[in-house]
Amino acid sequence: MSLTTLPSGTRVVGVSGEVDIATADVFGDLLLAALDLDHPHVVVDAEHLEFCDAQGLRALTAAADLAEALGGRVTIVNARPLVVRLLRITGLCRRFAVRAAAAQPN
């Protein structure tokens, strides 16, 4: 997991592998650290996210709550089909701006 600030000031949290009970707290702390009054928006780059369980969804939801309270939003980019499906099934796709990963050429 990583936190990067782009020249535009946008903060990007990169996540890879699995976000589950073992890693969700670190992920959640990183998301919350990325948000403040000067930076109420955060982008989650999920290109390398392979699995997310309920604890990972809880971390995303907590970040969305804080972002919205600050007047911002959480955006998930490069979401793999599994992540997009999980957000649709849980109804959380309405909480986040979600941009699916581009289809990979064969």
N, C-alpha and C. Protein backbone atom coordinates (compact mmCIF):
# COMPACT_ATOMS: atom_id res chain seq x y z
N MET A 1 0.84 -1.17 0.00
CA MET A 1 0.00 0.00 0.00
C MET A 1 0.89 1.23 0.00
N SER A 2 0.40 2.24 -0.70
CA SER A 2 1.20 3.46 -0.79
C SER A 2 0.29 4.68 -0.83
N LEU A 3 0.85 5.81 -0.44
CA LEU A 3 0.16 7.09 -0.52
C LEU A 3 1.04 8.03 -1.31
N THR A 4 0.50 8.56 -2.40
CA THR A 4 1.22 9.45 -3.28
C THR A 4 0.40 10.73 -3.46
N THR A 5 1.08 11.85 -3.48
CA THR A 5 0.41 13.11 -3.80
C THR A 5 0.89 13.55 -5.18
N LEU A 6 -0.05 13.69 -6.09
CA LEU A 6 0.26 14.12 -7.45
C LEU A 6 0.55 15.62 -7.48
N PRO A 7 1.23 16.12 -8.53
CA PRO A 7 1.50 17.56 -8.62
C PRO A 7 0.22 18.42 -8.50
N SER A 8 -0.92 17.86 -8.91
CA SER A 8 -2.19 18.58 -8.80
C SER A 8 -2.69 18.68 -7.37
N GLY A 9 -2.05 17.92 -6.46
CA GLY A 9 -2.49 17.88 -5.07
C GLY A 9 -3.38 16.70 -4.76
N THR A 10 -3.81 15.99 -5.80
CA THR A 10 -4.66 14.81 -5.59
C THR A 10 -3.86 13.73 -4.86
N ARG A 11 -4.47 13.15 -3.87
CA ARG A 11 -3.83 12.07 -3.12
C ARG A 11 -4.33 10.74 -3.63
N VAL A 12 -3.40 9.84 -3.89
CA VAL A 12 -3.71 8.53 -4.45
C VAL A 12 -3.21 7.46 -3.49
N VAL A 13 -4.12 6.59 -3.08
CA VAL A 13 -3.75 5.43 -2.28
C VAL A 13 -3.70 4.23 -3.21
N GLY A 14 -2.53 3.66 -3.35
CA GLY A 14 -2.36 2.46 -4.16
C GLY A 14 -2.50 1.24 -3.28
N VAL A 15 -3.22 0.26 -3.77
CA VAL A 15 -3.45 -0.95 -2.99
C VAL A 15 -3.24 -2.15 -3.89
N SER A 16 -2.60 -3.18 -3.34
CA SER A 16 -2.36 -4.39 -4.13
C SER A 16 -2.57 -5.61 -3.25
N GLY A 17 -2.71 -6.74 -3.91
CA GLY A 17 -2.90 -7.99 -3.17
C GLY A 17 -4.29 -8.08 -2.58
N GLU A 18 -4.33 -8.39 -1.29
CA GLU A 18 -5.60 -8.61 -0.61
C GLU A 18 -5.81 -7.59 0.50
N VAL A 19 -7.03 -7.09 0.59
CA VAL A 19 -7.42 -6.27 1.74
C VAL A 19 -8.44 -7.11 2.49
N ASP A 20 -7.99 -7.61 3.63
CA ASP A 20 -8.82 -8.49 4.44
C ASP A 20 -8.59 -8.16 5.91
N ILE A 21 -9.01 -9.05 6.78
CA ILE A 21 -8.91 -8.78 8.21
C ILE A 21 -7.47 -8.50 8.65
N ALA A 22 -6.50 -9.05 7.95
CA ALA A 22 -5.10 -8.86 8.32
C ALA A 22 -4.54 -7.50 7.85
N THR A 23 -5.11 -6.92 6.82
CA THR A 23 -4.55 -5.70 6.24
C THR A 23 -5.50 -4.51 6.23
N ALA A 24 -6.76 -4.73 6.56
CA ALA A 24 -7.76 -3.67 6.44
C ALA A 24 -7.48 -2.47 7.33
N ASP A 25 -6.94 -2.69 8.52
CA ASP A 25 -6.67 -1.55 9.41
C ASP A 25 -5.59 -0.65 8.83
N VAL A 26 -4.55 -1.23 8.27
CA VAL A 26 -3.49 -0.44 7.65
C VAL A 26 -4.06 0.33 6.45
N PHE A 27 -4.85 -0.35 5.64
CA PHE A 27 -5.50 0.29 4.49
C PHE A 27 -6.39 1.44 4.94
N GLY A 28 -7.22 1.18 5.94
CA GLY A 28 -8.12 2.22 6.45
C GLY A 28 -7.36 3.41 7.02
N ASP A 29 -6.30 3.16 7.77
CA ASP A 29 -5.50 4.25 8.33
C ASP A 29 -4.88 5.10 7.23
N LEU A 30 -4.40 4.44 6.17
CA LEU A 30 -3.81 5.16 5.05
C LEU A 30 -4.85 6.03 4.34
N LEU A 31 -6.04 5.48 4.14
CA LEU A 31 -7.12 6.26 3.52
C LEU A 31 -7.47 7.48 4.36
N LEU A 32 -7.63 7.28 5.65
CA LEU A 32 -8.01 8.39 6.53
C LEU A 32 -6.90 9.43 6.61
N ALA A 33 -5.64 8.99 6.57
CA ALA A 33 -4.51 9.92 6.60
C ALA A 33 -4.46 10.79 5.34
N ALA A 34 -5.00 10.27 4.25
CA ALA A 34 -4.98 11.00 2.98
C ALA A 34 -6.01 12.12 2.94
N LEU A 35 -6.96 12.11 3.84
CA LEU A 35 -8.07 13.06 3.81
C LEU A 35 -7.91 14.15 4.86
N ASP A 36 -8.10 15.39 4.45
CA ASP A 36 -8.19 16.51 5.38
C ASP A 36 -8.91 17.66 4.68
N LEU A 37 -9.07 18.77 5.36
CA LEU A 37 -9.83 19.88 4.78
C LEU A 37 -9.24 20.38 3.46
N ASP A 38 -7.92 20.35 3.35
CA ASP A 38 -7.28 20.79 2.12
C ASP A 38 -7.33 19.73 1.02
N HIS A 39 -7.55 18.49 1.41
CA HIS A 39 -7.59 17.36 0.46
C HIS A 39 -8.78 16.45 0.79
N PRO A 40 -10.01 16.91 0.47
CA PRO A 40 -11.19 16.12 0.84
C PRO A 40 -11.49 14.98 -0.13
N HIS A 41 -10.72 14.89 -1.20
CA HIS A 41 -10.91 13.82 -2.19
C HIS A 41 -9.71 12.88 -2.13
N VAL A 42 -9.98 11.61 -2.30
CA VAL A 42 -8.90 10.63 -2.39
C VAL A 42 -9.22 9.66 -3.51
N VAL A 43 -8.19 9.27 -4.22
CA VAL A 43 -8.32 8.29 -5.29
C VAL A 43 -7.68 7.00 -4.81
N VAL A 44 -8.39 5.90 -4.97
CA VAL A 44 -7.86 4.57 -4.64
C VAL A 44 -7.54 3.89 -5.97
N ASP A 45 -6.27 3.61 -6.18
CA ASP A 45 -5.86 2.89 -7.39
C ASP A 45 -5.90 1.40 -7.07
N ALA A 46 -6.92 0.74 -7.60
CA ALA A 46 -7.16 -0.68 -7.29
C ALA A 46 -6.68 -1.61 -8.40
N GLU A 47 -5.77 -1.12 -9.23
CA GLU A 47 -5.30 -1.93 -10.36
C GLU A 47 -4.75 -3.29 -9.93
N HIS A 48 -4.07 -3.32 -8.79
CA HIS A 48 -3.44 -4.56 -8.35
C HIS A 48 -4.17 -5.20 -7.16
N LEU A 49 -5.38 -4.72 -6.88
CA LEU A 49 -6.18 -5.30 -5.80
C LEU A 49 -6.81 -6.59 -6.29
N GLU A 50 -6.49 -7.69 -5.62
CA GLU A 50 -6.97 -9.00 -6.05
C GLU A 50 -8.15 -9.50 -5.23
N PHE A 51 -8.31 -9.01 -4.00
CA PHE A 51 -9.37 -9.49 -3.12
C PHE A 51 -9.66 -8.42 -2.08
N CYS A 52 -10.93 -8.29 -1.74
CA CYS A 52 -11.35 -7.35 -0.70
C CYS A 52 -12.50 -7.99 0.06
N ASP A 53 -12.36 -8.10 1.38
CA ASP A 53 -13.44 -8.69 2.18
C ASP A 53 -14.22 -7.59 2.88
N ALA A 54 -15.09 -7.99 3.79
CA ALA A 54 -15.96 -7.04 4.48
C ALA A 54 -15.16 -6.01 5.27
N GLN A 55 -14.02 -6.39 5.81
CA GLN A 55 -13.20 -5.43 6.55
C GLN A 55 -12.62 -4.37 5.62
N GLY A 56 -12.25 -4.77 4.41
CA GLY A 56 -11.79 -3.81 3.42
C GLY A 56 -12.89 -2.86 3.01
N LEU A 57 -14.10 -3.39 2.84
CA LEU A 57 -15.25 -2.54 2.51
C LEU A 57 -15.55 -1.57 3.65
N ARG A 58 -15.37 -2.03 4.88
CA ARG A 58 -15.57 -1.16 6.05
C ARG A 58 -14.58 0.00 6.01
N ALA A 59 -13.33 -0.28 5.66
CA ALA A 59 -12.31 0.77 5.57
C ALA A 59 -12.66 1.78 4.48
N LEU A 60 -13.11 1.29 3.34
CA LEU A 60 -13.53 2.19 2.25
C LEU A 60 -14.72 3.04 2.67
N THR A 61 -15.67 2.45 3.35
CA THR A 61 -16.86 3.17 3.79
C THR A 61 -16.52 4.23 4.82
N ALA A 62 -15.62 3.91 5.74
CA ALA A 62 -15.19 4.91 6.73
C ALA A 62 -14.51 6.08 6.04
N ALA A 63 -13.70 5.80 5.03
CA ALA A 63 -13.05 6.88 4.28
C ALA A 63 -14.09 7.70 3.52
N ALA A 64 -15.08 7.04 2.95
CA ALA A 64 -16.15 7.76 2.24
C ALA A 64 -16.92 8.66 3.19
N ASP A 65 -17.19 8.17 4.40
CA ASP A 65 -17.88 8.99 5.41
C ASP A 65 -17.10 10.26 5.71
N LEU A 66 -15.79 10.11 5.94
CA LEU A 66 -14.96 11.27 6.26
C LEU A 66 -14.86 12.20 5.05
N ALA A 67 -14.64 11.64 3.88
CA ALA A 67 -14.53 12.46 2.67
C ALA A 67 -15.80 13.29 2.46
N GLU A 68 -16.95 12.66 2.62
CA GLU A 68 -18.21 13.37 2.44
C GLU A 68 -18.40 14.45 3.50
N ALA A 69 -17.97 14.18 4.73
CA ALA A 69 -18.07 15.19 5.79
C ALA A 69 -17.19 16.40 5.48
N LEU A 70 -16.10 16.17 4.75
CA LEU A 70 -15.18 17.24 4.38
C LEU A 70 -15.56 17.89 3.05
N GLY A 71 -16.63 17.38 2.42
CA GLY A 71 -17.07 17.92 1.14
C GLY A 71 -16.41 17.26 -0.05
N GLY A 72 -15.86 16.09 0.16
CA GLY A 72 -15.16 15.40 -0.92
C GLY A 72 -15.76 14.06 -1.25
N ARG A 73 -14.94 13.21 -1.87
CA ARG A 73 -15.41 11.91 -2.32
C ARG A 73 -14.24 10.96 -2.48
N VAL A 74 -14.53 9.68 -2.36
CA VAL A 74 -13.56 8.63 -2.66
C VAL A 74 -13.84 8.13 -4.07
N THR A 75 -12.80 8.09 -4.88
CA THR A 75 -12.90 7.58 -6.24
C THR A 75 -12.03 6.34 -6.34
N ILE A 76 -12.58 5.28 -6.89
CA ILE A 76 -11.82 4.05 -7.09
C ILE A 76 -11.54 3.92 -8.57
N VAL A 77 -10.26 3.85 -8.94
CA VAL A 77 -9.88 3.76 -10.34
C VAL A 77 -9.18 2.42 -10.61
N ASN A 78 -9.19 2.05 -11.88
CA ASN A 78 -8.56 0.81 -12.34
C ASN A 78 -9.10 -0.41 -11.62
N ALA A 79 -10.38 -0.36 -11.28
CA ALA A 79 -11.00 -1.47 -10.54
C ALA A 79 -11.16 -2.69 -11.45
N ARG A 80 -10.68 -3.80 -10.97
CA ARG A 80 -10.83 -5.06 -11.70
C ARG A 80 -12.29 -5.49 -11.64
N PRO A 81 -12.70 -6.35 -12.57
CA PRO A 81 -14.10 -6.80 -12.58
C PRO A 81 -14.56 -7.37 -11.24
N LEU A 82 -13.71 -8.07 -10.53
CA LEU A 82 -14.08 -8.63 -9.23
C LEU A 82 -14.45 -7.54 -8.25
N VAL A 83 -13.68 -6.46 -8.23
CA VAL A 83 -13.94 -5.36 -7.32
C VAL A 83 -15.22 -4.63 -7.72
N VAL A 84 -15.39 -4.38 -9.00
CA VAL A 84 -16.61 -3.72 -9.49
C VAL A 84 -17.83 -4.56 -9.11
N ARG A 85 -17.74 -5.85 -9.31
CA ARG A 85 -18.86 -6.75 -8.98
C ARG A 85 -19.17 -6.71 -7.49
N LEU A 86 -18.14 -6.73 -6.65
CA LEU A 86 -18.32 -6.68 -5.21
C LEU A 86 -19.03 -5.39 -4.80
N LEU A 87 -18.63 -4.28 -5.38
CA LEU A 87 -19.26 -3.00 -5.06
C LEU A 87 -20.71 -2.95 -5.54
N ARG A 88 -20.98 -3.56 -6.69
CA ARG A 88 -22.37 -3.61 -7.17
C ARG A 88 -23.24 -4.49 -6.29
N ILE A 89 -22.74 -5.67 -5.95
CA ILE A 89 -23.51 -6.62 -5.13
C ILE A 89 -23.87 -6.01 -3.79
N THR A 90 -22.92 -5.30 -3.19
CA THR A 90 -23.15 -4.72 -1.87
C THR A 90 -23.89 -3.38 -1.92
N GLY A 91 -24.07 -2.85 -3.12
CA GLY A 91 -24.72 -1.56 -3.27
C GLY A 91 -23.80 -0.38 -2.99
N LEU A 92 -22.53 -0.67 -2.72
CA LEU A 92 -21.58 0.40 -2.40
C LEU A 92 -21.11 1.17 -3.63
N CYS A 93 -21.46 0.69 -4.81
CA CYS A 93 -21.07 1.41 -6.03
C CYS A 93 -21.69 2.80 -6.04
N ARG A 94 -22.75 3.01 -5.28
CA ARG A 94 -23.36 4.33 -5.20
C ARG A 94 -22.59 5.27 -4.28
N ARG A 95 -21.77 4.72 -3.40
CA ARG A 95 -20.99 5.54 -2.46
C ARG A 95 -19.72 6.10 -3.07
N PHE A 96 -19.22 5.41 -4.09
CA PHE A 96 -17.92 5.76 -4.66
C PHE A 96 -18.06 6.06 -6.14
N ALA A 97 -17.20 6.93 -6.63
CA ALA A 97 -17.05 7.04 -8.08
C ALA A 97 -16.13 5.89 -8.47
N VAL A 98 -16.61 4.99 -9.31
CA VAL A 98 -15.84 3.79 -9.67
C VAL A 98 -15.54 3.82 -11.16
N ARG A 99 -14.26 3.67 -11.46
CA ARG A 99 -13.83 3.58 -12.85
C ARG A 99 -13.15 2.24 -13.03
N ALA A 100 -13.75 1.42 -13.86
CA ALA A 100 -13.22 0.07 -14.10
C ALA A 100 -11.92 0.15 -14.88
N ALA A 101 -11.11 -0.89 -14.71
CA ALA A 101 -9.87 -1.00 -15.47
C ALA A 101 -10.20 -1.19 -16.93
N ALA A 102 -9.36 -0.67 -17.78
CA ALA A 102 -9.53 -0.86 -19.23
C ALA A 102 -9.37 -2.33 -19.55
N ALA A 103 -10.11 -2.80 -20.53
CA ALA A 103 -10.00 -4.20 -20.94
C ALA A 103 -8.58 -4.46 -21.42
N GLN A 104 -8.05 -5.60 -21.04
CA GLN A 104 -6.71 -5.98 -21.44
C GLN A 104 -6.75 -6.60 -22.82
N PRO A 105 -5.83 -6.20 -23.71
CA PRO A 105 -5.81 -6.81 -25.05
C PRO A 105 -5.38 -8.26 -24.97
N ASN A 106 -5.89 -9.08 -25.88
CA ASN A 106 -5.54 -10.51 -25.88
C ASN A 106 -4.23 -10.73 -26.58
